[in-house]
Amino acid sequence: MGTYGNFNLVMREWKLGNITEAQAIGQILQLLEELEKRVAELERITKPPKIEKEIKETKGNEGK
């Protein structure tokens, strides 16, 4: 994760002149990359595998 840990801290440091625009952008990109990984992991653990979904759909359509 970025040095500052969250978007608001990055923005605060930039507004105070403690980091440059380039540094702020770099920190925001690091935060975005971390969020992308976290979302992918959440999607992986909360969605059933595709094969199970297809089996459920097939069983639901058998009587039609």
PDB file of N, CA and C in Angstrom:
ATOM      1  N   MET A   1       0.845  -1.168   0.000  1.00  0.00           N
ATOM      2  CA  MET A   1       0.000   0.000   0.000  1.00  0.00           C
ATOM      3  C   MET A   1       0.890   1.230   0.000  1.00  0.00           C
ATOM      4  N   GLY A   2       0.325   2.329  -0.424  1.00  0.00           N
ATOM      5  CA  GLY A   2       1.080   3.570  -0.468  1.00  0.00           C
ATOM      6  C   GLY A   2       1.557   4.006   0.912  1.00  0.00           C
ATOM      7  N   THR A   3       2.513   4.875   0.934  1.00  0.00           N
ATOM      8  CA  THR A   3       3.094   5.364   2.182  1.00  0.00           C
ATOM      9  C   THR A   3       2.051   5.984   3.098  1.00  0.00           C
ATOM     10  N   TYR A   4       1.073   6.661   2.531  1.00  0.00           N
ATOM     11  CA  TYR A   4       0.120   7.416   3.334  1.00  0.00           C
ATOM     12  C   TYR A   4      -1.121   6.620   3.735  1.00  0.00           C
ATOM     13  N   GLY A   5      -1.327   5.460   3.169  1.00  0.00           N
ATOM     14  CA  GLY A   5      -2.387   4.573   3.620  1.00  0.00           C
ATOM     15  C   GLY A   5      -3.786   4.829   3.104  1.00  0.00           C
ATOM     16  N   ASN A   6      -4.134   6.079   2.804  1.00  0.00           N
ATOM     17  CA  ASN A   6      -5.453   6.311   2.220  1.00  0.00           C
ATOM     18  C   ASN A   6      -5.453   7.606   1.412  1.00  0.00           C
ATOM     19  N   PHE A   7      -6.457   7.728   0.586  1.00  0.00           N
ATOM     20  CA  PHE A   7      -6.562   8.843  -0.354  1.00  0.00           C
ATOM     21  C   PHE A   7      -6.572  10.198   0.344  1.00  0.00           C
ATOM     22  N   ASN A   8      -7.328  10.313   1.419  1.00  0.00           N
ATOM     23  CA  ASN A   8      -7.435  11.601   2.113  1.00  0.00           C
ATOM     24  C   ASN A   8      -6.092  12.073   2.655  1.00  0.00           C
ATOM     25  N   LEU A   9      -5.292  11.163   3.159  1.00  0.00           N
ATOM     26  CA  LEU A   9      -3.970  11.553   3.659  1.00  0.00           C
ATOM     27  C   LEU A   9      -3.065  12.019   2.518  1.00  0.00           C
ATOM     28  N   VAL A  10      -3.145  11.340   1.391  1.00  0.00           N
ATOM     29  CA  VAL A  10      -2.348  11.748   0.223  1.00  0.00           C
ATOM     30  C   VAL A  10      -2.749  13.159  -0.191  1.00  0.00           C
ATOM     31  N   MET A  11      -4.040  13.402  -0.288  1.00  0.00           N
ATOM     32  CA  MET A  11      -4.511  14.721  -0.695  1.00  0.00           C
ATOM     33  C   MET A  11      -4.099  15.797   0.304  1.00  0.00           C
ATOM     34  N   ARG A  12      -4.179  15.475   1.583  1.00  0.00           N
ATOM     35  CA  ARG A  12      -3.786  16.446   2.608  1.00  0.00           C
ATOM     36  C   ARG A  12      -2.302  16.810   2.478  1.00  0.00           C
ATOM     37  N   GLU A  13      -1.459  15.800   2.307  1.00  0.00           N
ATOM     38  CA  GLU A  13      -0.027  16.041   2.177  1.00  0.00           C
ATOM     39  C   GLU A  13       0.286  16.862   0.929  1.00  0.00           C
ATOM     40  N   TRP A  14      -0.444  16.585  -0.158  1.00  0.00           N
ATOM     41  CA  TRP A  14      -0.229  17.345  -1.393  1.00  0.00           C
ATOM     42  C   TRP A  14      -0.664  18.798  -1.207  1.00  0.00           C
ATOM     43  N   LYS A  15      -1.838  18.997  -0.612  1.00  0.00           N
ATOM     44  CA  LYS A  15      -2.334  20.358  -0.392  1.00  0.00           C
ATOM     45  C   LYS A  15      -1.412  21.156   0.524  1.00  0.00           C
ATOM     46  N   LEU A  16      -0.793  20.501   1.489  1.00  0.00           N
ATOM     47  CA  LEU A  16       0.134  21.166   2.395  1.00  0.00           C
ATOM     48  C   LEU A  16       1.504  21.404   1.759  1.00  0.00           C
ATOM     49  N   GLY A  17       1.703  20.835   0.573  1.00  0.00           N
ATOM     50  CA  GLY A  17       2.974  21.001  -0.119  1.00  0.00           C
ATOM     51  C   GLY A  17       4.060  20.059   0.362  1.00  0.00           C
ATOM     52  N   ASN A  18       3.666  19.029   1.094  1.00  0.00           N
ATOM     53  CA  ASN A  18       4.641  18.067   1.607  1.00  0.00           C
ATOM     54  C   ASN A  18       5.065  17.036   0.568  1.00  0.00           C
ATOM     55  N   ILE A  19       4.236  16.859  -0.466  1.00  0.00           N
ATOM     56  CA  ILE A  19       4.604  15.976  -1.572  1.00  0.00           C
ATOM     57  C   ILE A  19       4.257  16.666  -2.885  1.00  0.00           C
ATOM     58  N   THR A  20       4.956  16.285  -3.926  1.00  0.00           N
ATOM     59  CA  THR A  20       4.731  16.879  -5.242  1.00  0.00           C
ATOM     60  C   THR A  20       3.512  16.232  -5.908  1.00  0.00           C
ATOM     61  N   GLU A  21       3.086  16.843  -7.015  1.00  0.00           N
ATOM     62  CA  GLU A  21       1.983  16.250  -7.784  1.00  0.00           C
ATOM     63  C   GLU A  21       2.338  14.840  -8.238  1.00  0.00           C
ATOM     64  N   ALA A  22       3.578  14.678  -8.716  1.00  0.00           N
ATOM     65  CA  ALA A  22       4.009  13.358  -9.190  1.00  0.00           C
ATOM     66  C   ALA A  22       3.987  12.340  -8.058  1.00  0.00           C
ATOM     67  N   GLN A  23       4.413  12.745  -6.869  1.00  0.00           N
ATOM     68  CA  GLN A  23       4.389  11.837  -5.727  1.00  0.00           C
ATOM     69  C   GLN A  23       2.949  11.487  -5.339  1.00  0.00           C
ATOM     70  N   ALA A  24       2.070  12.470  -5.374  1.00  0.00           N
ATOM     71  CA  ALA A  24       0.662  12.232  -5.047  1.00  0.00           C
ATOM     72  C   ALA A  24       0.051  11.250  -6.044  1.00  0.00           C
ATOM     73  N   ILE A  25       0.327  11.455  -7.312  1.00  0.00           N
ATOM     74  CA  ILE A  25      -0.191  10.548  -8.342  1.00  0.00           C
ATOM     75  C   ILE A  25       0.349   9.141  -8.118  1.00  0.00           C
ATOM     76  N   GLY A  26       1.626   9.029  -7.825  1.00  0.00           N
ATOM     77  CA  GLY A  26       2.215   7.715  -7.558  1.00  0.00           C
ATOM     78  C   GLY A  26       1.564   7.029  -6.370  1.00  0.00           C
ATOM     79  N   GLN A  27       1.326   7.787  -5.312  1.00  0.00           N
ATOM     80  CA  GLN A  27       0.682   7.228  -4.126  1.00  0.00           C
ATOM     81  C   GLN A  27      -0.747   6.783  -4.439  1.00  0.00           C
ATOM     82  N   ILE A  28      -1.464   7.597  -5.203  1.00  0.00           N
ATOM     83  CA  ILE A  28      -2.843   7.253  -5.570  1.00  0.00           C
ATOM     84  C   ILE A  28      -2.867   5.997  -6.444  1.00  0.00           C
ATOM     85  N   LEU A  29      -1.909   5.874  -7.342  1.00  0.00           N
ATOM     86  CA  LEU A  29      -1.844   4.666  -8.173  1.00  0.00           C
ATOM     87  C   LEU A  29      -1.555   3.430  -7.319  1.00  0.00           C
ATOM     88  N   GLN A  30      -0.716   3.569  -6.320  1.00  0.00           N
ATOM     89  CA  GLN A  30      -0.440   2.440  -5.418  1.00  0.00           C
ATOM     90  C   GLN A  30      -1.703   2.064  -4.636  1.00  0.00           C
ATOM     91  N   LEU A  31      -2.438   3.064  -4.177  1.00  0.00           N
ATOM     92  CA  LEU A  31      -3.689   2.791  -3.473  1.00  0.00           C
ATOM     93  C   LEU A  31      -4.691   2.096  -4.395  1.00  0.00           C
ATOM     94  N   LEU A  32      -4.782   2.560  -5.626  1.00  0.00           N
ATOM     95  CA  LEU A  32      -5.689   1.955  -6.601  1.00  0.00           C
ATOM     96  C   LEU A  32      -5.310   0.505  -6.869  1.00  0.00           C
ATOM     97  N   GLU A  33      -4.039   0.234  -7.019  1.00  0.00           N
ATOM     98  CA  GLU A  33      -3.566  -1.128  -7.257  1.00  0.00           C
ATOM     99  C   GLU A  33      -3.944  -2.042  -6.083  1.00  0.00           C
ATOM    100  N   GLU A  34      -3.761  -1.557  -4.873  1.00  0.00           N
ATOM    101  CA  GLU A  34      -4.124  -2.336  -3.686  1.00  0.00           C
ATOM    102  C   GLU A  34      -5.628  -2.584  -3.628  1.00  0.00           C
ATOM    103  N   LEU A  35      -6.427  -1.575  -3.939  1.00  0.00           N
ATOM    104  CA  LEU A  35      -7.880  -1.745  -3.952  1.00  0.00           C
ATOM    105  C   LEU A  35      -8.319  -2.763  -5.003  1.00  0.00           C
ATOM    106  N   GLU A  36      -7.676  -2.727  -6.147  1.00  0.00           N
ATOM    107  CA  GLU A  36      -8.000  -3.677  -7.211  1.00  0.00           C
ATOM    108  C   GLU A  36      -7.762  -5.112  -6.734  1.00  0.00           C
ATOM    109  N   LYS A  37      -6.653  -5.331  -6.054  1.00  0.00           N
ATOM    110  CA  LYS A  37      -6.335  -6.662  -5.523  1.00  0.00           C
ATOM    111  C   LYS A  37      -7.362  -7.094  -4.479  1.00  0.00           C
ATOM    112  N   ARG A  38      -7.741  -6.152  -3.611  1.00  0.00           N
ATOM    113  CA  ARG A  38      -8.691  -6.483  -2.558  1.00  0.00           C
ATOM    114  C   ARG A  38     -10.066  -6.808  -3.129  1.00  0.00           C
ATOM    115  N   VAL A  39     -10.511  -6.055  -4.124  1.00  0.00           N
ATOM    116  CA  VAL A  39     -11.802  -6.314  -4.758  1.00  0.00           C
ATOM    117  C   VAL A  39     -11.781  -7.672  -5.457  1.00  0.00           C
ATOM    118  N   ALA A  40     -10.705  -7.969  -6.158  1.00  0.00           N
ATOM    119  CA  ALA A  40     -10.597  -9.260  -6.847  1.00  0.00           C
ATOM    120  C   ALA A  40     -10.665 -10.414  -5.848  1.00  0.00           C
ATOM    121  N   GLU A  41     -10.008 -10.261  -4.719  1.00  0.00           N
ATOM    122  CA  GLU A  41     -10.039 -11.301  -3.698  1.00  0.00           C
ATOM    123  C   GLU A  41     -11.445 -11.450  -3.116  1.00  0.00           C
ATOM    124  N   LEU A  42     -12.116 -10.350  -2.850  1.00  0.00           N
ATOM    125  CA  LEU A  42     -13.489 -10.421  -2.347  1.00  0.00           C
ATOM    126  C   LEU A  42     -14.419 -11.082  -3.360  1.00  0.00           C
ATOM    127  N   GLU A  43     -14.253 -10.744  -4.626  1.00  0.00           N
ATOM    128  CA  GLU A  43     -15.076 -11.368  -5.661  1.00  0.00           C
ATOM    129  C   GLU A  43     -14.797 -12.858  -5.737  1.00  0.00           C
ATOM    130  N   ARG A  44     -13.541 -13.222  -5.585  1.00  0.00           N
ATOM    131  CA  ARG A  44     -13.170 -14.636  -5.658  1.00  0.00           C
ATOM    132  C   ARG A  44     -13.804 -15.436  -4.523  1.00  0.00           C
ATOM    133  N   ILE A  45     -13.797 -14.891  -3.321  1.00  0.00           N
ATOM    134  CA  ILE A  45     -14.299 -15.666  -2.185  1.00  0.00           C
ATOM    135  C   ILE A  45     -15.815 -15.575  -2.014  1.00  0.00           C
ATOM    136  N   THR A  46     -16.465 -14.621  -2.647  1.00  0.00           N
ATOM    137  CA  THR A  46     -17.906 -14.490  -2.474  1.00  0.00           C
ATOM    138  C   THR A  46     -18.717 -15.059  -3.627  1.00  0.00           C
ATOM    139  N   LYS A  47     -18.098 -15.312  -4.756  1.00  0.00           N
ATOM    140  CA  LYS A  47     -18.811 -15.871  -5.899  1.00  0.00           C
ATOM    141  C   LYS A  47     -18.553 -17.366  -5.977  1.00  0.00           C
ATOM    142  N   PRO A  48     -19.621 -18.134  -6.157  1.00  0.00           N
ATOM    143  CA  PRO A  48     -19.398 -19.571  -6.331  1.00  0.00           C
ATOM    144  C   PRO A  48     -18.701 -19.813  -7.666  1.00  0.00           C
ATOM    145  N   PRO A  49     -17.953 -20.884  -7.747  1.00  0.00           N
ATOM    146  CA  PRO A  49     -17.317 -21.196  -9.040  1.00  0.00           C
ATOM    147  C   PRO A  49     -18.368 -21.300 -10.138  1.00  0.00           C
ATOM    148  N   LYS A  50     -17.985 -20.973 -11.341  1.00  0.00           N
ATOM    149  CA  LYS A  50     -18.911 -20.935 -12.473  1.00  0.00           C
ATOM    150  C   LYS A  50     -19.589 -22.284 -12.683  1.00  0.00           C
ATOM    151  N   ILE A  51     -18.881 -23.365 -12.510  1.00  0.00           N
ATOM    152  CA  ILE A  51     -19.446 -24.691 -12.745  1.00  0.00           C
ATOM    153  C   ILE A  51     -20.640 -24.943 -11.823  1.00  0.00           C
ATOM    154  N   GLU A  52     -20.557 -24.540 -10.553  1.00  0.00           N
ATOM    155  CA  GLU A  52     -21.677 -24.719  -9.637  1.00  0.00           C
ATOM    156  C   GLU A  52     -22.889 -23.916 -10.095  1.00  0.00           C
ATOM    157  N   LYS A  53     -22.665 -22.711 -10.572  1.00  0.00           N
ATOM    158  CA  LYS A  53     -23.754 -21.872 -11.053  1.00  0.00           C
ATOM    159  C   LYS A  53     -24.435 -22.530 -12.249  1.00  0.00           C
ATOM    160  N   GLU A  54     -23.634 -23.080 -13.154  1.00  0.00           N
ATOM    161  CA  GLU A  54     -24.198 -23.724 -14.341  1.00  0.00           C
ATOM    162  C   GLU A  54     -24.995 -24.962 -13.962  1.00  0.00           C
ATOM    163  N   ILE A  55     -24.529 -25.720 -12.984  1.00  0.00           N
ATOM    164  CA  ILE A  55     -25.253 -26.905 -12.533  1.00  0.00           C
ATOM    165  C   ILE A  55     -26.595 -26.503 -11.943  1.00  0.00           C
ATOM    166  N   LYS A  56     -26.607 -25.465 -11.109  1.00  0.00           N
ATOM    167  CA  LYS A  56     -27.844 -24.990 -10.496  1.00  0.00           C
ATOM    168  C   LYS A  56     -28.826 -24.523 -11.573  1.00  0.00           C
ATOM    169  N   GLU A  57     -28.335 -23.816 -12.579  1.00  0.00           N
ATOM    170  CA  GLU A  57     -29.198 -23.325 -13.652  1.00  0.00           C
ATOM    171  C   GLU A  57     -29.764 -24.490 -14.454  1.00  0.00           C
ATOM    172  N   THR A  58     -28.932 -25.490 -14.708  1.00  0.00           N
ATOM    173  CA  THR A  58     -29.373 -26.661 -15.468  1.00  0.00           C
ATOM    174  C   THR A  58     -30.455 -27.420 -14.702  1.00  0.00           C
ATOM    175  N   LYS A  59     -30.251 -27.616 -13.398  1.00  0.00           N
ATOM    176  CA  LYS A  59     -31.258 -28.312 -12.589  1.00  0.00           C
ATOM    177  C   LYS A  59     -32.554 -27.539 -12.526  1.00  0.00           C
ATOM    178  N   GLY A  60     -32.465 -26.226 -12.504  1.00  0.00           N
ATOM    179  CA  GLY A  60     -33.665 -25.404 -12.457  1.00  0.00           C
ATOM    180  C   GLY A  60     -34.456 -25.441 -13.751  1.00  0.00           C
ATOM    181  N   ASN A  61     -33.799 -25.775 -14.859  1.00  0.00           N
ATOM    182  CA  ASN A  61     -34.455 -25.791 -16.166  1.00  0.00           C
ATOM    183  C   ASN A  61     -34.917 -27.188 -16.584  1.00  0.00           C
ATOM    184  N   GLU A  62     -34.698 -28.210 -15.765  1.00  0.00           N
ATOM    185  CA  GLU A  62     -35.022 -29.576 -16.152  1.00  0.00           C
ATOM    186  C   GLU A  62     -36.516 -29.797 -16.335  1.00  0.00           C
ATOM    187  N   GLY A  63     -37.330 -29.146 -15.547  1.00  0.00           N
ATOM    188  CA  GLY A  63     -38.778 -29.348 -15.637  1.00  0.00           C
ATOM    189  C   GLY A  63     -39.441 -28.499 -16.684  1.00  0.00           C
ATOM    190  N   LYS A  64     -38.700 -27.744 -17.451  1.00  0.00           N
ATOM    191  CA  LYS A  64     -39.301 -26.842 -18.435  1.00  0.00           C
ATOM    192  C   LYS A  64     -39.370 -27.456 -19.803  1.00  0.00           C
TER     193      LYS A  64
END
